[in-house]
Amino acid sequence: MRNFLFYGLVIFLMSSCGNGDRLFPKKHLGIYEGKQEAYEVSMNGNPILVPESDLELSLDYGSLWVKTPNQNLAATYEVKAKTKLYYSLIVVFESGIIEEWQLWKKGNKLIRKSIPPVPEVILLK
């Protein structure tokens, strides 16, 4: 009986350790789509309009890829916090840009938080 209890405890511990790379449930992985609204930036005192663009995002454990009509960007992320409603992600792009995103537990949405002058983007699965 003691051996059975011991083996049960070992199996439980091994299964707990095996999920270390899984930051959130697998159902959140996949393709998300959304629109980046047009916004204006100032370059040498002259306003420049950045046009609206479609975004496609592929989310995998530990990495993501953002596809726009003009470029493809690779990034890594880390779960900063877990709340009742969402996972707070710190996203680091290959260019060195760091952003805060939210992966919502319900509704299959991913929100790219606003960094002025770039507006917030909501991506849906």
Protein backbone atom coordinates (compact mmCIF):
# COMPACT_ATOMS: atom_id res chain seq x y z
CA MET A 1 0.00 0.00 0.00
CA ARG A 2 2.87 2.38 0.80
CA ASN A 3 4.47 1.67 -2.58
CA PHE A 4 1.20 2.48 -4.35
CA LEU A 5 0.96 5.80 -2.52
CA PHE A 6 4.62 6.56 -3.28
CA TYR A 7 4.22 5.82 -7.01
CA GLY A 8 1.05 7.90 -7.13
CA LEU A 9 2.90 10.84 -5.58
CA VAL A 10 5.82 10.46 -8.04
CA ILE A 11 3.45 10.40 -11.04
CA PHE A 12 1.65 13.49 -9.75
CA LEU A 13 4.92 15.39 -9.31
CA MET A 14 6.18 14.39 -12.75
CA SER A 15 2.97 15.51 -14.44
CA SER A 16 3.10 18.83 -12.58
CA CYS A 17 6.67 19.46 -13.73
CA GLY A 18 5.89 18.49 -17.32
CA ASN A 19 3.50 21.42 -17.81
CA GLY A 20 6.14 24.08 -17.08
CA ASP A 21 6.35 25.33 -20.67
CA ARG A 22 2.57 25.61 -20.96
CA LEU A 23 1.82 29.14 -19.91
CA PHE A 24 -1.92 28.91 -20.56
CA PRO A 25 -4.39 26.39 -22.06
CA LYS A 26 -3.78 25.17 -25.60
CA LYS A 27 -7.17 26.51 -26.75
CA HIS A 28 -5.66 30.04 -26.83
CA LEU A 29 -3.03 29.10 -29.43
CA GLY A 30 -3.70 29.76 -33.10
CA ILE A 31 -4.39 32.54 -35.58
CA TYR A 32 -5.80 35.92 -34.52
CA GLU A 33 -6.87 38.69 -36.92
CA GLY A 34 -7.56 42.40 -36.51
CA LYS A 35 -7.15 45.89 -37.96
CA GLN A 36 -4.60 48.48 -36.93
CA GLU A 37 -6.40 51.82 -37.26
CA ALA A 38 -4.73 54.67 -39.12
CA TYR A 39 -2.75 57.07 -36.94
CA GLU A 40 -0.61 60.14 -37.33
CA VAL A 41 3.03 60.64 -36.35
CA SER A 42 5.17 63.73 -36.51
CA MET A 43 8.45 63.59 -38.44
CA ASN A 44 10.60 66.75 -38.33
CA GLY A 45 7.51 68.75 -37.42
CA ASN A 46 5.51 67.41 -40.39
CA PRO A 47 2.50 65.15 -39.75
CA ILE A 48 2.63 61.78 -41.51
CA LEU A 49 -0.41 59.51 -41.73
CA VAL A 50 0.25 55.80 -41.18
CA PRO A 51 -2.55 54.01 -43.06
CA GLU A 52 -4.86 51.37 -41.63
CA SER A 53 -3.57 47.81 -42.04
CA ASP A 54 -4.78 44.27 -41.50
CA LEU A 55 -2.88 42.19 -38.95
CA GLU A 56 -2.65 38.42 -38.72
CA LEU A 57 -1.03 36.99 -35.63
CA SER A 58 0.06 33.40 -35.06
CA LEU A 59 0.38 32.54 -31.35
CA ASP A 60 2.40 29.58 -30.11
CA TYR A 61 3.90 28.78 -26.70
CA GLY A 62 6.67 31.31 -26.10
CA SER A 63 6.62 32.89 -29.57
CA LEU A 64 4.36 34.77 -31.93
CA TRP A 65 4.49 36.06 -35.49
CA VAL A 66 2.75 39.20 -36.72
CA LYS A 67 2.00 39.41 -40.42
CA THR A 68 1.08 42.71 -42.06
CA PRO A 69 0.76 43.55 -45.77
CA ASN A 70 4.29 45.05 -45.69
CA GLN A 71 6.24 42.86 -43.27
CA ASN A 72 6.44 39.80 -41.02
CA LEU A 73 7.62 40.27 -37.43
CA ALA A 74 8.79 37.58 -35.01
CA ALA A 75 8.53 38.04 -31.26
CA THR A 76 8.81 36.19 -27.99
CA TYR A 77 6.66 36.77 -24.95
CA GLU A 78 6.48 36.06 -21.27
CA VAL A 79 3.40 35.84 -19.07
CA LYS A 80 3.81 38.74 -16.64
CA ALA A 81 0.64 38.19 -14.63
CA LYS A 82 -2.46 36.04 -14.57
CA THR A 83 -5.75 37.65 -13.54
CA LYS A 84 -9.31 36.34 -13.43
CA LEU A 85 -10.01 37.82 -16.87
CA TYR A 86 -6.77 37.66 -18.85
CA TYR A 87 -3.08 36.81 -19.04
CA SER A 88 -0.83 39.88 -19.15
CA LEU A 89 1.97 39.32 -21.68
CA ILE A 90 5.23 41.18 -22.19
CA VAL A 91 6.01 40.89 -25.90
CA VAL A 92 9.57 41.47 -27.15
CA PHE A 93 9.93 41.88 -30.92
CA GLU A 94 13.11 40.94 -32.76
CA SER A 95 13.70 44.67 -33.36
CA GLY A 96 13.90 45.22 -29.59
CA ILE A 97 10.49 46.87 -29.17
CA ILE A 98 8.72 45.81 -25.97
CA GLU A 99 4.92 45.96 -25.68
CA GLU A 100 2.23 44.89 -23.23
CA TRP A 101 -0.55 42.65 -24.53
CA GLN A 102 -3.54 40.94 -22.93
CA LEU A 103 -4.69 37.41 -23.81
CA TRP A 104 -8.30 37.17 -22.63
CA LYS A 105 -9.46 33.90 -21.11
CA LYS A 106 -12.95 34.22 -22.62
CA GLY A 107 -13.97 35.57 -25.99
CA ASN A 108 -10.88 34.42 -27.92
CA LYS A 109 -9.31 37.85 -28.13
CA LEU A 110 -5.84 39.29 -27.84
CA ILE A 111 -5.41 43.00 -27.12
CA ARG A 112 -2.31 44.94 -28.11
CA LYS A 113 -2.21 47.84 -25.65
CA SER A 114 -1.88 51.37 -26.97
CA ILE A 115 1.55 53.01 -27.07
CA PRO A 116 0.98 56.59 -28.27
CA PRO A 117 0.64 57.45 -31.07
CA VAL A 118 -0.18 53.84 -32.04
CA PRO A 119 -3.80 53.01 -31.01
CA GLU A 120 -4.93 49.82 -29.28
CA VAL A 121 -5.60 46.78 -31.50
CA ILE A 122 -8.07 43.99 -30.74
CA LEU A 123 -7.30 40.70 -32.49
CA LEU A 124 -9.96 37.99 -32.64
CA LYS A 125 -9.53 34.27 -33.15
